[in-house]
Amino acid sequence: MTEAGFKQIDDDEQAFGPKVVLASGFSTDEVPELTGMLAALDAPDHRVVLCSEKLLHLTLVQAMGAADPGTPVAADQLPRALVLSGLTGAQVQGLFAAWRASGMPRPIFAQTTTSNLDWTVTDLLLELLREQKEMARERQGQ
């Protein structure tokens, strides 16, 4: 997921990956609001999966398909991130707008790609944090 891995989301972009949103750094109390946002975007069949210790060691595709994800890690122990999968470009854009309107703290957003499905969840979260820090440094330098 280097800078070359970033691309603008097109509203016409087709859905890719399983119908799952992997949530890191979220509490179980926040799941209903996230599920409601997905339902409002015509994605009510998407599962919201909270990161557990077990999932952190699996590949992204394995974690998203886990029948029993395990007990979620406490929200304050992981970076706040949402890995979106199986959503169209228009749905992703709609989720961004709903998120801004919700007042909930902004997570790091990522989408599944053909290359990151084979990353472990831990490696993906570490890369997302690295990219976030790099972007913050670039903004400060401008």
Protein backbone atom coordinates (compact mmCIF):
# COMPACT_ATOMS: atom_id res chain seq x y z
CA MET A 1 0.00 0.00 0.00
CA THR A 2 2.44 2.63 -1.02
CA GLU A 3 1.48 6.07 -2.26
CA ALA A 4 1.07 4.47 -5.67
CA GLY A 5 -1.67 2.33 -4.09
CA PHE A 6 -3.95 5.32 -3.55
CA LYS A 7 -6.59 6.03 -6.13
CA GLN A 8 -9.59 8.27 -6.34
CA ILE A 9 -12.87 6.49 -5.74
CA ASP A 10 -15.18 6.64 -8.74
CA ASP A 11 -18.93 6.58 -8.04
CA ASP A 12 -19.31 3.97 -10.80
CA GLU A 13 -16.69 1.67 -9.28
CA GLN A 14 -18.02 -1.86 -8.90
CA ALA A 15 -18.04 -3.64 -5.57
CA PHE A 16 -15.00 -5.82 -4.82
CA GLY A 17 -14.48 -8.35 -2.05
CA PRO A 18 -16.74 -9.93 0.55
CA LYS A 19 -19.64 -7.93 2.01
CA VAL A 20 -17.85 -7.07 5.23
CA VAL A 21 -16.62 -3.99 7.03
CA LEU A 22 -13.70 -4.80 9.33
CA ALA A 23 -13.64 -2.34 12.22
CA SER A 24 -10.53 -1.73 14.31
CA GLY A 25 -10.57 0.51 17.36
CA PHE A 26 -14.36 0.46 17.64
CA SER A 27 -16.52 -0.60 20.56
CA THR A 28 -19.51 -2.91 20.32
CA ASP A 29 -21.65 0.13 21.22
CA GLU A 30 -20.70 1.77 17.91
CA VAL A 31 -21.67 -1.18 15.71
CA PRO A 32 -25.41 -0.34 15.50
CA GLU A 33 -24.67 3.15 14.17
CA LEU A 34 -22.28 1.75 11.58
CA THR A 35 -24.78 -0.95 10.61
CA GLY A 36 -27.45 1.74 10.26
CA MET A 37 -25.21 3.76 7.94
CA LEU A 38 -24.65 0.71 5.77
CA ALA A 39 -28.38 -0.05 5.66
CA ALA A 40 -29.07 3.55 4.58
CA LEU A 41 -26.60 3.04 1.71
CA ASP A 42 -28.53 0.00 0.48
CA ALA A 43 -25.91 -2.34 1.95
CA PRO A 44 -27.91 -3.93 4.78
CA ASP A 45 -26.40 -7.38 4.19
CA HIS A 46 -22.88 -6.23 5.03
CA ARG A 47 -21.45 -7.69 8.24
CA VAL A 48 -19.56 -5.47 10.62
CA VAL A 49 -16.70 -7.43 12.17
CA LEU A 50 -14.76 -6.02 15.11
CA CYS A 51 -11.06 -6.91 15.26
CA SER A 52 -10.16 -9.57 17.76
CA GLU A 53 -6.76 -10.91 18.78
CA LYS A 54 -7.48 -13.95 16.61
CA LEU A 55 -8.23 -11.86 13.51
CA LEU A 56 -5.11 -9.73 13.84
CA HIS A 57 -2.99 -12.75 12.84
CA LEU A 58 -5.11 -13.80 9.85
CA THR A 59 -5.01 -12.47 6.32
CA LEU A 60 -7.63 -9.85 5.54
CA VAL A 61 -9.66 -12.30 3.44
CA GLN A 62 -9.51 -14.92 6.22
CA ALA A 63 -10.52 -12.37 8.86
CA MET A 64 -13.46 -11.14 6.79
CA GLY A 65 -14.67 -14.70 6.29
CA ALA A 66 -14.21 -15.89 9.87
CA ALA A 67 -17.39 -17.55 11.16
CA ASP A 68 -16.32 -16.84 14.75
CA PRO A 69 -14.21 -13.69 14.90
CA GLY A 70 -13.64 -14.01 18.64
CA THR A 71 -13.85 -11.42 21.39
CA PRO A 72 -13.13 -7.90 20.10
CA VAL A 73 -9.97 -6.17 21.27
CA ALA A 74 -10.78 -3.12 23.45
CA ALA A 75 -11.33 -0.08 21.24
CA ASP A 76 -8.52 1.91 22.84
CA GLN A 77 -5.99 -0.84 22.09
CA LEU A 78 -6.12 -0.58 18.28
CA PRO A 79 -6.01 2.22 15.73
CA ARG A 80 -9.42 3.47 14.66
CA ALA A 81 -9.81 2.10 11.13
CA LEU A 82 -12.49 0.74 8.82
CA VAL A 83 -11.58 -1.64 6.03
CA LEU A 84 -14.42 -1.51 3.53
CA SER A 85 -15.21 -4.43 1.26
CA GLY A 86 -17.98 -5.25 -1.18
CA LEU A 87 -19.19 -1.64 -1.54
CA THR A 88 -19.56 0.27 -4.79
CA GLY A 89 -17.83 3.61 -5.26
CA ALA A 90 -21.13 5.42 -4.72
CA GLN A 91 -21.71 3.54 -1.47
CA VAL A 92 -18.21 4.40 -0.23
CA GLN A 93 -18.78 8.08 -1.06
CA GLY A 94 -22.14 7.90 0.72
CA LEU A 95 -20.50 6.36 3.78
CA PHE A 96 -17.94 9.18 3.87
CA ALA A 97 -20.74 11.76 3.77
CA ALA A 98 -22.77 9.92 6.44
CA TRP A 99 -19.67 9.70 8.61
CA ARG A 100 -19.02 13.43 8.42
CA ALA A 101 -22.66 14.12 9.32
CA SER A 102 -22.63 11.64 12.23
CA GLY A 103 -20.08 13.51 14.33
CA MET A 104 -18.35 10.22 15.16
CA PRO A 105 -14.53 10.39 15.34
CA ARG A 106 -13.06 9.85 11.88
CA PRO A 107 -11.30 6.53 11.36
CA ILE A 108 -8.67 5.67 8.83
CA PHE A 109 -10.63 4.38 5.83
CA ALA A 110 -9.28 1.67 3.53
CA GLN A 111 -10.78 -0.56 0.87
CA THR A 112 -10.01 -4.13 -0.02
CA THR A 113 -7.84 -4.61 -3.08
CA THR A 114 -6.50 -7.65 -4.86
CA SER A 115 -3.13 -7.09 -3.16
CA ASN A 116 -4.18 -6.33 0.41
CA LEU A 117 -6.48 -9.34 0.82
CA ASP A 118 -3.36 -11.44 1.43
CA TRP A 119 -1.93 -9.08 4.09
CA THR A 120 -2.38 -9.94 7.74
CA VAL A 121 -4.73 -7.59 9.52
CA THR A 122 -1.86 -6.45 11.73
CA ASP A 123 0.35 -5.65 8.74
CA LEU A 124 -2.48 -3.74 7.06
CA LEU A 125 -3.18 -1.68 10.19
CA LEU A 126 0.53 -0.89 10.59
CA GLU A 127 0.73 0.21 6.96
CA LEU A 128 -2.37 2.39 7.32
CA LEU A 129 -0.84 4.08 10.36
CA ARG A 130 2.43 4.62 8.49
CA GLU A 131 0.58 6.15 5.54
CA GLN A 132 -1.47 8.38 7.84
CA LYS A 133 1.69 9.71 9.49
CA GLU A 134 3.32 10.29 6.11
CA MET A 135 0.30 12.21 4.82
CA ALA A 136 0.25 14.33 8.01
CA ARG A 137 3.95 15.18 7.50
CA GLU A 138 3.28 16.13 3.88
CA ARG A 139 0.37 18.40 4.90
CA GLN A 140 2.56 20.15 7.47
CA GLY A 141 5.28 20.72 4.87
CA GLN A 142 2.93 22.47 2.46
